[in-house]
């Protein structure tokens, strides 16, 4: 289901001619609800960057929302995954923040919304690889998305819930939309949090029982 088809379906189901702004808001809100409820490969992104010797900070990508993993790559192209800690842990463990004699970074923390802090401060220049969670481009802008192509029922009923709430619609219709949305989300979670997580290395990631 592409954007044009989705708009037509929302209009037909609700029998209401919404403004483009309103209908785009319904879709955006539905996407946000889905993307924060299930882990999907379409929500993962990978980037590489460089740590500079003596610089304890690493800038986050502009579309970063949450981290899956951060790895340091040494001169032999060997990966070492850093452990996620609090800023106070790093400050306490490596009090001389400008010193590089502690060695290779082993920890990272979210310093602010734009920056990671490394511990210890890098003793050399290193390549880094970050896997992170982000919102993909909305179907409103892109026209087509993974969600619209593969789980259009979730996107449709999520949008209908937003639209019917805006309309202050009848409770039984809202309940039916919610039921259909929940059924679609259960299937999507089977895929994203179940089947796609069967061989996950770290136990901290969400796993959903696969029947």
N, C-alpha and C. Protein backbone atom coordinates (compact mmCIF):
# COMPACT_ATOMS: atom_id res chain seq x y z
N UNK A 1 0.85 -1.19 0.00
CA UNK A 1 0.00 0.00 0.00
C UNK A 1 0.88 1.24 0.00
N UNK A 2 0.73 2.08 -1.01
CA UNK A 2 1.50 3.32 -1.06
C UNK A 2 0.70 4.46 -0.41
N UNK A 3 1.29 5.65 -0.43
CA UNK A 3 0.66 6.78 0.25
C UNK A 3 -0.71 7.11 -0.33
N UNK A 4 -0.80 7.14 -1.64
CA UNK A 4 -2.07 7.48 -2.29
C UNK A 4 -3.16 6.48 -1.94
N UNK A 5 -2.80 5.20 -1.94
CA UNK A 5 -3.77 4.15 -1.59
C UNK A 5 -4.18 4.25 -0.12
N UNK A 6 -3.23 4.59 0.73
CA UNK A 6 -3.52 4.71 2.16
C UNK A 6 -4.47 5.87 2.42
N UNK A 7 -4.24 7.00 1.78
CA UNK A 7 -5.13 8.15 1.95
C UNK A 7 -6.53 7.81 1.46
N UNK A 8 -6.61 7.13 0.33
CA UNK A 8 -7.91 6.77 -0.21
C UNK A 8 -8.65 5.82 0.73
N UNK A 9 -7.93 4.88 1.33
CA UNK A 9 -8.55 3.92 2.25
C UNK A 9 -9.05 4.62 3.51
N UNK A 10 -8.25 5.52 4.07
CA UNK A 10 -8.67 6.25 5.27
C UNK A 10 -9.92 7.07 4.98
N UNK A 11 -9.92 7.74 3.85
CA UNK A 11 -11.08 8.55 3.47
C UNK A 11 -12.32 7.69 3.28
N UNK A 12 -12.16 6.53 2.64
CA UNK A 12 -13.28 5.63 2.39
C UNK A 12 -13.82 5.02 3.67
N UNK A 13 -12.94 4.53 4.53
CA UNK A 13 -13.36 3.88 5.78
C UNK A 13 -14.09 4.87 6.69
N UNK A 14 -13.58 6.09 6.78
CA UNK A 14 -14.16 7.06 7.71
C UNK A 14 -15.29 7.88 7.07
N UNK A 15 -15.40 7.80 5.73
CA UNK A 15 -16.39 8.60 5.00
C UNK A 15 -16.27 10.07 5.36
N UNK A 16 -15.04 10.54 5.35
CA UNK A 16 -14.75 11.91 5.75
C UNK A 16 -13.66 12.47 4.86
N UNK A 17 -13.82 13.69 4.42
CA UNK A 17 -12.81 14.37 3.60
C UNK A 17 -11.93 15.25 4.51
N UNK A 18 -10.81 14.70 4.94
CA UNK A 18 -9.88 15.42 5.81
C UNK A 18 -9.01 16.36 4.97
N UNK A 19 -8.45 17.35 5.62
CA UNK A 19 -7.42 18.15 4.97
C UNK A 19 -6.16 17.30 4.84
N UNK A 20 -5.30 17.67 3.90
CA UNK A 20 -4.04 16.94 3.72
C UNK A 20 -3.19 17.00 4.98
N UNK A 21 -3.18 18.14 5.64
CA UNK A 21 -2.41 18.28 6.88
C UNK A 21 -2.90 17.32 7.94
N UNK A 22 -4.22 17.22 8.12
CA UNK A 22 -4.78 16.33 9.13
C UNK A 22 -4.47 14.87 8.82
N UNK A 23 -4.68 14.47 7.59
CA UNK A 23 -4.49 13.06 7.25
C UNK A 23 -3.01 12.68 7.34
N UNK A 24 -2.12 13.60 7.01
CA UNK A 24 -0.69 13.33 7.16
C UNK A 24 -0.31 13.18 8.64
N UNK A 25 -0.96 13.97 9.49
CA UNK A 25 -0.73 13.85 10.93
C UNK A 25 -1.18 12.49 11.44
N UNK A 26 -2.34 12.01 10.98
CA UNK A 26 -2.82 10.70 11.39
C UNK A 26 -1.80 9.61 11.03
N UNK A 27 -1.29 9.70 9.83
CA UNK A 27 -0.33 8.69 9.36
C UNK A 27 0.98 8.78 10.14
N UNK A 28 1.48 10.00 10.34
CA UNK A 28 2.72 10.18 11.11
C UNK A 28 2.59 9.61 12.52
N UNK A 29 1.46 9.88 13.17
CA UNK A 29 1.25 9.39 14.52
C UNK A 29 1.15 7.86 14.55
N UNK A 30 0.50 7.29 13.53
CA UNK A 30 0.40 5.83 13.46
C UNK A 30 1.77 5.20 13.27
N UNK A 31 2.58 5.77 12.41
CA UNK A 31 3.93 5.25 12.18
C UNK A 31 4.75 5.32 13.46
N UNK A 32 4.66 6.44 14.16
CA UNK A 32 5.43 6.60 15.40
C UNK A 32 5.01 5.55 16.42
N UNK A 33 3.71 5.28 16.50
CA UNK A 33 3.22 4.26 17.43
C UNK A 33 3.79 2.89 17.09
N UNK A 34 3.77 2.54 15.81
CA UNK A 34 4.28 1.24 15.38
C UNK A 34 5.78 1.14 15.62
N UNK A 35 6.51 2.16 15.20
CA UNK A 35 7.97 2.11 15.28
C UNK A 35 8.49 2.04 16.71
N UNK A 36 7.70 2.49 17.66
CA UNK A 36 8.12 2.42 19.07
C UNK A 36 7.56 1.19 19.78
N UNK A 37 6.87 0.33 19.04
CA UNK A 37 6.26 -0.86 19.64
C UNK A 37 6.94 -2.15 19.22
N UNK A 38 7.73 -2.12 18.17
CA UNK A 38 8.33 -3.34 17.64
C UNK A 38 9.67 -3.00 16.99
N UNK A 39 10.63 -3.92 17.08
CA UNK A 39 11.93 -3.74 16.47
C UNK A 39 11.93 -4.40 15.09
N UNK A 40 12.27 -3.63 14.08
CA UNK A 40 12.28 -4.11 12.71
C UNK A 40 13.62 -3.78 12.06
N UNK A 41 14.09 -4.62 11.14
CA UNK A 41 15.32 -4.29 10.42
C UNK A 41 15.24 -2.95 9.70
N UNK A 42 14.04 -2.56 9.28
CA UNK A 42 13.87 -1.29 8.58
C UNK A 42 14.12 -0.08 9.48
N UNK A 43 14.18 -0.31 10.79
CA UNK A 43 14.41 0.77 11.75
C UNK A 43 15.86 0.84 12.21
N UNK A 44 16.71 -0.01 11.64
CA UNK A 44 18.11 -0.05 12.03
C UNK A 44 18.97 0.63 10.97
N UNK A 45 19.97 1.33 11.44
CA UNK A 45 20.90 1.98 10.52
C UNK A 45 22.33 1.78 11.03
N UNK A 46 23.26 1.79 10.11
CA UNK A 46 24.67 1.57 10.44
C UNK A 46 25.50 2.70 9.84
N UNK A 47 26.38 3.27 10.68
CA UNK A 47 27.31 4.29 10.18
C UNK A 47 28.69 4.03 10.77
N UNK A 48 29.70 4.54 10.10
CA UNK A 48 31.06 4.49 10.62
C UNK A 48 31.55 5.92 10.83
N UNK A 49 32.47 6.05 11.77
CA UNK A 49 33.05 7.35 12.08
C UNK A 49 34.46 7.17 12.60
N UNK A 50 35.03 8.24 13.11
CA UNK A 50 36.42 8.20 13.58
C UNK A 50 36.55 8.87 14.94
N UNK A 51 37.22 8.18 15.85
CA UNK A 51 37.62 8.78 17.12
C UNK A 51 38.98 9.44 16.94
N UNK A 52 39.14 10.61 17.52
CA UNK A 52 40.41 11.33 17.43
C UNK A 52 41.15 11.22 18.75
N UNK A 53 42.42 10.97 18.67
CA UNK A 53 43.25 10.86 19.87
C UNK A 53 43.10 12.11 20.74
N UNK A 54 42.79 11.89 22.03
CA UNK A 54 42.65 12.99 22.97
C UNK A 54 41.26 13.60 23.00
N UNK A 55 40.38 13.20 22.11
CA UNK A 55 39.01 13.73 22.08
C UNK A 55 38.06 12.68 22.62
N UNK A 56 37.48 12.94 23.78
CA UNK A 56 36.66 11.95 24.47
C UNK A 56 35.23 11.88 23.96
N UNK A 57 34.86 12.73 22.99
CA UNK A 57 33.49 12.80 22.52
C UNK A 57 33.35 12.25 21.10
N UNK A 58 32.18 11.70 20.83
CA UNK A 58 31.83 11.21 19.50
C UNK A 58 30.43 11.73 19.18
N UNK A 59 30.29 12.38 18.05
CA UNK A 59 29.01 12.99 17.68
C UNK A 59 28.01 11.94 17.20
N UNK A 60 26.77 12.04 17.67
CA UNK A 60 25.70 11.14 17.23
C UNK A 60 25.23 11.53 15.82
N UNK A 61 24.75 10.58 15.04
CA UNK A 61 24.09 10.94 13.78
C UNK A 61 22.87 11.81 14.06
N UNK A 62 22.50 12.66 13.13
CA UNK A 62 21.40 13.59 13.34
C UNK A 62 20.05 12.89 13.48
N UNK A 63 19.92 11.67 12.93
CA UNK A 63 18.65 10.94 13.03
C UNK A 63 18.68 9.85 14.10
N UNK A 64 19.69 9.88 14.96
CA UNK A 64 19.84 8.88 16.02
C UNK A 64 18.72 8.99 17.05
N UNK A 65 18.17 7.84 17.46
CA UNK A 65 17.18 7.80 18.53
C UNK A 65 17.62 6.91 19.68
N UNK A 66 18.26 5.77 19.40
CA UNK A 66 18.73 4.86 20.44
C UNK A 66 19.83 3.99 19.85
N UNK A 67 20.69 3.47 20.71
CA UNK A 67 21.85 2.70 20.26
C UNK A 67 21.62 1.20 20.41
N UNK A 68 21.98 0.46 19.36
CA UNK A 68 22.03 -1.00 19.45
C UNK A 68 23.43 -1.46 19.84
N UNK A 69 24.45 -0.89 19.22
CA UNK A 69 25.83 -1.25 19.56
C UNK A 69 26.79 -0.19 19.03
N UNK A 70 27.93 -0.08 19.72
CA UNK A 70 29.00 0.82 19.29
C UNK A 70 30.30 0.03 19.37
N UNK A 71 30.99 -0.09 18.24
CA UNK A 71 32.19 -0.90 18.18
C UNK A 71 33.40 -0.06 17.79
N UNK A 72 34.54 -0.38 18.39
CA UNK A 72 35.82 0.22 18.02
C UNK A 72 36.53 -0.74 17.07
N UNK A 73 37.12 -0.20 16.01
CA UNK A 73 37.82 -1.02 15.02
C UNK A 73 39.30 -0.62 15.06
N UNK A 74 40.16 -1.58 15.42
CA UNK A 74 41.58 -1.23 15.54
C UNK A 74 42.29 -1.32 14.18
N UNK A 75 43.60 -1.12 14.20
CA UNK A 75 44.37 -1.08 12.96
C UNK A 75 44.37 -2.41 12.22
N UNK A 76 44.09 -3.50 12.93
CA UNK A 76 44.03 -4.83 12.31
C UNK A 76 42.62 -5.18 11.84
N UNK A 77 41.74 -4.16 11.85
CA UNK A 77 40.34 -4.34 11.44
C UNK A 77 39.60 -5.31 12.36
N UNK A 78 39.99 -5.31 13.64
CA UNK A 78 39.33 -6.15 14.65
C UNK A 78 38.31 -5.29 15.42
N UNK A 79 37.12 -5.88 15.63
CA UNK A 79 36.04 -5.16 16.28
C UNK A 79 36.01 -5.45 17.78
N UNK A 80 35.90 -4.40 18.58
CA UNK A 80 35.69 -4.52 20.02
C UNK A 80 34.45 -3.70 20.37
N UNK A 81 33.43 -4.37 20.94
CA UNK A 81 32.19 -3.68 21.24
C UNK A 81 32.28 -3.02 22.62
N UNK A 82 32.03 -1.71 22.64
CA UNK A 82 32.08 -0.95 23.89
C UNK A 82 30.84 -1.22 24.73
N UNK A 83 31.00 -1.11 26.05
CA UNK A 83 29.90 -1.34 26.98
C UNK A 83 29.23 -0.01 27.32
N UNK A 84 27.91 -0.03 27.34
CA UNK A 84 27.11 1.16 27.63
C UNK A 84 27.08 1.41 29.14
N UNK A 85 27.52 2.59 29.54
CA UNK A 85 27.57 2.96 30.95
C UNK A 85 26.96 4.35 31.15
N UNK A 86 26.88 4.78 32.41
CA UNK A 86 26.45 6.14 32.72
C UNK A 86 27.64 7.09 32.64
N UNK A 87 27.34 8.36 32.43
CA UNK A 87 28.41 9.36 32.37
C UNK A 87 29.19 9.37 33.68
N UNK A 88 28.48 9.26 34.82
CA UNK A 88 29.18 9.31 36.11
C UNK A 88 30.14 8.14 36.30
N UNK A 89 29.81 6.97 35.70
CA UNK A 89 30.74 5.84 35.77
C UNK A 89 32.04 6.18 35.05
N UNK A 90 31.92 6.76 33.87
CA UNK A 90 33.11 7.09 33.09
C UNK A 90 33.93 8.18 33.78
N UNK A 91 33.25 9.18 34.32
CA UNK A 91 33.96 10.25 35.01
C UNK A 91 34.69 9.73 36.25
N UNK A 92 34.04 8.81 36.98
CA UNK A 92 34.65 8.26 38.19
C UNK A 92 35.81 7.33 37.85
N UNK A 93 35.65 6.54 36.80
CA UNK A 93 36.68 5.56 36.44
C UNK A 93 37.91 6.21 35.81
N UNK A 94 37.68 7.31 35.07
CA UNK A 94 38.78 7.98 34.37
C UNK A 94 38.72 9.48 34.70
N UNK A 95 39.12 9.85 35.92
CA UNK A 95 38.94 11.23 36.39
C UNK A 95 39.75 12.26 35.61
N UNK A 96 40.92 11.86 35.08
CA UNK A 96 41.71 12.78 34.27
C UNK A 96 41.17 12.71 32.85
N UNK A 97 40.20 13.57 32.55
CA UNK A 97 39.45 13.44 31.30
C UNK A 97 40.28 13.76 30.06
N UNK A 98 41.40 14.44 30.23
CA UNK A 98 42.23 14.79 29.09
C UNK A 98 43.38 13.80 28.87
N UNK A 99 43.53 12.86 29.80
CA UNK A 99 44.65 11.92 29.71
C UNK A 99 44.35 10.83 28.70
N UNK A 100 45.39 10.40 27.98
CA UNK A 100 45.25 9.31 27.01
C UNK A 100 46.03 8.07 27.45
N UNK A 101 46.63 8.12 28.64
CA UNK A 101 47.47 6.99 29.06
C UNK A 101 46.66 5.81 29.57
N UNK A 102 45.33 5.98 29.73
CA UNK A 102 44.51 4.85 30.19
C UNK A 102 44.39 3.77 29.12
N UNK A 103 44.54 4.16 27.85
CA UNK A 103 44.50 3.15 26.80
C UNK A 103 43.29 3.27 25.88
N UNK A 104 42.91 2.12 25.32
CA UNK A 104 41.84 2.07 24.33
C UNK A 104 40.48 2.22 24.99
N UNK A 105 39.57 2.99 24.41
CA UNK A 105 38.21 3.11 24.98
C UNK A 105 37.53 1.76 25.13
N UNK A 106 36.85 1.59 26.26
CA UNK A 106 36.13 0.34 26.52
C UNK A 106 34.66 0.59 26.83
N UNK A 107 34.29 1.85 27.13
CA UNK A 107 32.93 2.20 27.52
C UNK A 107 32.47 3.44 26.77
N UNK A 108 31.16 3.57 26.71
CA UNK A 108 30.58 4.80 26.18
C UNK A 108 29.34 5.13 26.98
N UNK A 109 28.93 6.39 26.93
CA UNK A 109 27.71 6.84 27.59
C UNK A 109 27.09 7.96 26.76
N UNK A 110 25.78 8.15 26.95
CA UNK A 110 25.09 9.23 26.26
C UNK A 110 25.33 10.51 27.04
N UNK A 111 26.17 11.40 26.51
CA UNK A 111 26.53 12.63 27.21
C UNK A 111 25.41 13.67 27.12
N UNK A 112 24.88 13.85 25.92
CA UNK A 112 23.71 14.70 25.71
C UNK A 112 23.01 14.19 24.46
N UNK A 113 22.03 14.92 23.96
CA UNK A 113 21.24 14.41 22.85
C UNK A 113 22.03 14.32 21.54
N UNK A 114 23.21 14.93 21.50
CA UNK A 114 24.00 14.96 20.27
C UNK A 114 25.33 14.24 20.37
N UNK A 115 25.70 13.77 21.57
CA UNK A 115 27.08 13.35 21.78
C UNK A 115 27.20 12.13 22.68
N UNK A 116 28.12 11.22 22.32
CA UNK A 116 28.57 10.15 23.21
C UNK A 116 29.86 10.60 23.88
N UNK A 117 30.09 10.12 25.10
CA UNK A 117 31.38 10.30 25.76
C UNK A 117 32.03 8.93 25.88
N UNK A 118 33.33 8.86 25.62
CA UNK A 118 34.07 7.60 25.64
C UNK A 118 34.91 7.50 26.90
N UNK A 119 35.10 6.30 27.36
CA UNK A 119 35.97 6.07 28.49
C UNK A 119 36.84 4.83 28.26
N UNK A 120 38.12 4.94 28.39
CA UNK A 120 38.88 6.18 28.62
C UNK A 120 38.99 7.03 27.35
N UNK A 121 39.55 8.22 27.50
CA UNK A 121 39.78 9.10 26.35
C UNK A 121 40.69 8.38 25.36
N UNK A 122 40.36 8.38 24.07
CA UNK A 122 41.15 7.63 23.08
C UNK A 122 42.62 7.99 23.11
N UNK A 123 43.46 6.94 23.04
CA UNK A 123 44.90 7.14 23.01
C UNK A 123 45.45 7.17 21.59
N UNK A 124 44.57 7.01 20.61
CA UNK A 124 44.95 7.05 19.20
C UNK A 124 43.69 7.30 18.38
N UNK A 125 43.86 7.43 17.08
CA UNK A 125 42.70 7.56 16.20
C UNK A 125 42.14 6.16 15.92
N UNK A 126 40.83 6.00 16.05
CA UNK A 126 40.19 4.70 15.82
C UNK A 126 38.95 4.88 14.94
N UNK A 127 38.72 3.89 14.12
CA UNK A 127 37.45 3.84 13.39
C UNK A 127 36.38 3.28 14.32
N UNK A 128 35.14 3.76 14.15
CA UNK A 128 34.03 3.31 14.97
C UNK A 128 32.87 2.88 14.07
N UNK A 129 32.10 1.92 14.57
CA UNK A 129 30.89 1.51 13.85
C UNK A 129 29.72 1.54 14.81
N UNK A 130 28.68 2.28 14.44
CA UNK A 130 27.50 2.46 15.27
C UNK A 130 26.28 1.85 14.58
N UNK A 131 25.58 0.95 15.29
CA UNK A 131 24.28 0.47 14.87
C UNK A 131 23.25 1.16 15.75
N UNK A 132 22.25 1.76 15.13
CA UNK A 132 21.32 2.55 15.93
C UNK A 132 19.90 2.51 15.38
N UNK A 133 18.96 2.90 16.24
CA UNK A 133 17.54 2.96 15.92
C UNK A 133 17.20 4.36 15.44
N UNK A 134 16.40 4.42 14.36
CA UNK A 134 15.98 5.72 13.83
C UNK A 134 14.60 5.56 13.21
N UNK A 135 13.93 6.67 12.98
CA UNK A 135 12.66 6.66 12.26
C UNK A 135 12.95 6.73 10.77
N UNK A 136 12.53 5.75 10.00
CA UNK A 136 12.70 5.87 8.55
C UNK A 136 11.81 6.97 7.99
N UNK A 137 12.07 7.38 6.78
CA UNK A 137 11.27 8.42 6.15
C UNK A 137 9.81 8.00 6.10
N UNK A 138 8.92 8.90 6.48
CA UNK A 138 7.50 8.60 6.51
C UNK A 138 6.97 8.30 5.11
N UNK A 139 5.96 7.47 5.05
CA UNK A 139 5.30 7.19 3.78
C UNK A 139 4.68 8.47 3.21
N UNK A 140 4.40 9.43 4.08
CA UNK A 140 3.89 10.72 3.63
C UNK A 140 4.88 11.40 2.69
N UNK A 141 6.16 11.25 2.99
CA UNK A 141 7.22 11.87 2.18
C UNK A 141 7.74 10.93 1.10
N UNK A 142 7.96 9.67 1.48
CA UNK A 142 8.59 8.71 0.58
C UNK A 142 7.64 8.13 -0.45
N UNK A 143 6.35 8.10 -0.13
CA UNK A 143 5.39 7.50 -1.04
C UNK A 143 5.19 6.02 -0.81
N UNK A 144 6.30 5.30 -0.59
CA UNK A 144 6.26 3.88 -0.23
C UNK A 144 7.25 3.62 0.89
N UNK A 145 6.95 2.66 1.76
CA UNK A 145 7.85 2.28 2.84
C UNK A 145 7.76 0.78 3.06
N UNK A 146 8.70 0.27 3.85
CA UNK A 146 8.68 -1.17 4.20
C UNK A 146 7.38 -1.52 4.90
N UNK A 147 6.93 -0.68 5.81
CA UNK A 147 5.71 -0.96 6.55
C UNK A 147 4.50 -1.00 5.62
N UNK A 148 4.40 -0.04 4.73
CA UNK A 148 3.29 -0.01 3.79
C UNK A 148 3.30 -1.19 2.83
N UNK A 149 4.49 -1.64 2.45
CA UNK A 149 4.61 -2.76 1.51
C UNK A 149 4.36 -4.11 2.16
N UNK A 150 4.71 -4.25 3.44
CA UNK A 150 4.70 -5.57 4.06
C UNK A 150 3.63 -5.75 5.14
N UNK A 151 3.26 -4.68 5.84
CA UNK A 151 2.24 -4.77 6.89
C UNK A 151 1.30 -3.58 6.78
N UNK A 152 0.64 -3.47 5.63
CA UNK A 152 -0.22 -2.32 5.42
C UNK A 152 -1.43 -2.31 6.35
N UNK A 153 -1.84 -3.49 6.85
CA UNK A 153 -2.98 -3.52 7.78
C UNK A 153 -2.67 -2.76 9.06
N UNK A 154 -1.45 -2.90 9.56
CA UNK A 154 -1.04 -2.19 10.77
C UNK A 154 -1.04 -0.68 10.52
N UNK A 155 -0.48 -0.29 9.40
CA UNK A 155 -0.42 1.14 9.07
C UNK A 155 -1.83 1.71 8.86
N UNK A 156 -2.68 0.96 8.17
CA UNK A 156 -4.04 1.43 7.91
C UNK A 156 -4.84 1.57 9.19
N UNK A 157 -4.88 0.52 10.01
CA UNK A 157 -5.71 0.58 11.20
C UNK A 157 -5.13 1.51 12.27
N UNK A 158 -3.82 1.65 12.28
CA UNK A 158 -3.22 2.65 13.16
C UNK A 158 -3.64 4.05 12.76
N UNK A 159 -3.66 4.32 11.45
CA UNK A 159 -4.09 5.62 10.94
C UNK A 159 -5.58 5.85 11.19
N UNK A 160 -6.38 4.79 11.01
CA UNK A 160 -7.81 4.90 11.26
C UNK A 160 -8.10 5.22 12.73
N UNK A 161 -7.34 4.62 13.63
CA UNK A 161 -7.51 4.93 15.05
C UNK A 161 -7.26 6.41 15.32
N UNK A 162 -6.20 6.93 14.72
CA UNK A 162 -5.90 8.35 14.90
C UNK A 162 -7.00 9.22 14.30
N UNK A 163 -7.47 8.85 13.10
CA UNK A 163 -8.50 9.64 12.42
C UNK A 163 -9.82 9.60 13.18
N UNK A 164 -10.19 8.39 13.65
CA UNK A 164 -11.49 8.27 14.32
C UNK A 164 -11.48 8.91 15.70
N UNK A 165 -10.32 8.93 16.33
CA UNK A 165 -10.19 9.67 17.59
C UNK A 165 -10.39 11.16 17.33
N UNK A 166 -9.81 11.65 16.26
CA UNK A 166 -9.97 13.05 15.87
C UNK A 166 -11.44 13.38 15.60
N UNK A 167 -12.15 12.41 15.01
CA UNK A 167 -13.57 12.60 14.68
C UNK A 167 -14.49 12.43 15.89
N UNK A 168 -13.92 11.95 17.00
CA UNK A 168 -14.73 11.61 18.18
C UNK A 168 -15.82 10.61 17.78
N UNK A 169 -15.34 9.54 17.09
CA UNK A 169 -16.25 8.55 16.53
C UNK A 169 -16.86 7.63 17.57
N UNK A 170 -17.74 6.78 17.09
CA UNK A 170 -18.47 5.87 17.96
C UNK A 170 -17.54 4.83 18.59
N UNK A 171 -17.84 4.48 19.83
CA UNK A 171 -16.95 3.61 20.61
C UNK A 171 -16.82 2.23 19.99
N UNK A 172 -17.92 1.68 19.43
CA UNK A 172 -17.85 0.32 18.89
C UNK A 172 -16.99 0.27 17.64
N UNK A 173 -17.02 1.32 16.84
CA UNK A 173 -16.17 1.36 15.65
C UNK A 173 -14.70 1.51 16.05
N UNK A 174 -14.46 2.38 17.02
CA UNK A 174 -13.09 2.53 17.53
C UNK A 174 -12.56 1.21 18.08
N UNK A 175 -13.39 0.50 18.81
CA UNK A 175 -12.99 -0.79 19.39
C UNK A 175 -12.66 -1.80 18.29
N UNK A 176 -13.42 -1.77 17.20
CA UNK A 176 -13.16 -2.69 16.09
C UNK A 176 -11.84 -2.35 15.40
N UNK A 177 -11.59 -1.05 15.19
CA UNK A 177 -10.31 -0.63 14.62
C UNK A 177 -9.15 -1.05 15.54
N UNK A 178 -9.33 -0.87 16.85
CA UNK A 178 -8.29 -1.24 17.80
C UNK A 178 -8.03 -2.74 17.76
N UNK A 179 -9.08 -3.53 17.64
CA UNK A 179 -8.94 -4.99 17.57
C UNK A 179 -8.15 -5.39 16.33
N UNK A 180 -8.48 -4.80 15.20
CA UNK A 180 -7.78 -5.14 13.97
C UNK A 180 -6.33 -4.67 14.02
N UNK A 181 -6.11 -3.51 14.62
CA UNK A 181 -4.74 -3.02 14.79
C UNK A 181 -3.94 -3.96 15.68
N UNK A 182 -4.51 -4.37 16.80
CA UNK A 182 -3.81 -5.26 17.73
C UNK A 182 -3.49 -6.60 17.08
N UNK A 183 -4.40 -7.12 16.26
CA UNK A 183 -4.14 -8.38 15.56
C UNK A 183 -2.96 -8.24 14.60
N UNK A 184 -2.93 -7.12 13.88
CA UNK A 184 -1.81 -6.88 12.98
C UNK A 184 -0.50 -6.70 13.71
N UNK A 185 -0.54 -5.98 14.85
CA UNK A 185 0.67 -5.77 15.62
C UNK A 185 1.20 -7.07 16.20
N UNK A 186 0.31 -7.97 16.58
CA UNK A 186 0.75 -9.28 17.11
C UNK A 186 1.55 -10.02 16.06
N UNK A 187 1.10 -9.99 14.81
CA UNK A 187 1.83 -10.65 13.73
C UNK A 187 3.15 -9.95 13.46
N UNK A 188 3.13 -8.62 13.51
CA UNK A 188 4.35 -7.86 13.26
C UNK A 188 5.38 -8.11 14.35
N UNK A 189 4.94 -8.21 15.60
CA UNK A 189 5.86 -8.50 16.70
C UNK A 189 6.41 -9.92 16.60
N UNK A 190 5.62 -10.85 16.08
CA UNK A 190 6.13 -12.19 15.84
C UNK A 190 7.33 -12.14 14.91
N UNK A 191 7.26 -11.25 13.93
CA UNK A 191 8.36 -11.12 12.98
C UNK A 191 9.52 -10.33 13.57
N UNK A 192 9.22 -9.08 14.00
CA UNK A 192 10.29 -8.18 14.41
C UNK A 192 10.95 -8.54 15.72
N UNK A 193 10.14 -8.91 16.73
CA UNK A 193 10.69 -9.21 18.06
C UNK A 193 10.82 -10.71 18.31
N UNK A 194 10.39 -11.52 17.34
CA UNK A 194 10.48 -12.97 17.49
C UNK A 194 11.42 -13.59 16.49
N UNK A 195 10.97 -13.76 15.27
CA UNK A 195 11.76 -14.46 14.26
C UNK A 195 13.07 -13.75 13.95
N UNK A 196 13.06 -12.42 13.95
CA UNK A 196 14.29 -11.67 13.67
C UNK A 196 15.24 -11.60 14.86
N UNK A 197 14.85 -12.18 16.01
CA UNK A 197 15.67 -12.10 17.21
C UNK A 197 16.14 -13.48 17.68
N UNK A 198 15.94 -14.52 16.91
CA UNK A 198 16.25 -15.87 17.37
C UNK A 198 17.73 -16.10 17.62
N UNK A 199 18.59 -15.38 16.90
CA UNK A 199 20.02 -15.60 17.05
C UNK A 199 20.73 -14.35 17.55
N UNK A 200 20.01 -13.51 18.27
CA UNK A 200 20.61 -12.29 18.80
C UNK A 200 21.70 -12.62 19.83
N UNK A 201 22.84 -11.97 19.68
CA UNK A 201 23.98 -12.29 20.53
C UNK A 201 23.79 -11.81 21.96
N UNK A 202 23.27 -10.60 22.12
CA UNK A 202 23.13 -10.03 23.46
C UNK A 202 21.72 -10.22 23.98
N UNK A 203 21.61 -10.72 25.20
CA UNK A 203 20.30 -11.04 25.77
C UNK A 203 19.49 -9.81 26.12
N UNK A 204 20.11 -8.63 26.14
CA UNK A 204 19.40 -7.42 26.52
C UNK A 204 18.38 -6.95 25.51
N UNK A 205 18.48 -7.39 24.25
CA UNK A 205 17.54 -6.95 23.25
C UNK A 205 16.19 -7.65 23.42
N UNK A 206 15.12 -6.96 23.05
CA UNK A 206 13.78 -7.48 23.20
C UNK A 206 13.61 -8.74 22.37
N UNK A 207 13.01 -9.76 22.98
CA UNK A 207 12.66 -10.98 22.26
C UNK A 207 11.22 -11.32 22.54
N UNK A 208 10.52 -11.73 21.50
CA UNK A 208 9.10 -12.07 21.61
C UNK A 208 8.96 -13.55 21.31
N UNK A 209 8.26 -14.33 22.16
CA UNK A 209 8.14 -15.78 21.92
C UNK A 209 7.50 -16.06 20.56
N UNK A 210 8.12 -16.94 19.80
CA UNK A 210 7.60 -17.31 18.49
C UNK A 210 6.86 -18.64 18.63
N UNK A 211 5.58 -18.62 18.25
CA UNK A 211 4.76 -19.81 18.39
C UNK A 211 5.02 -20.78 17.23
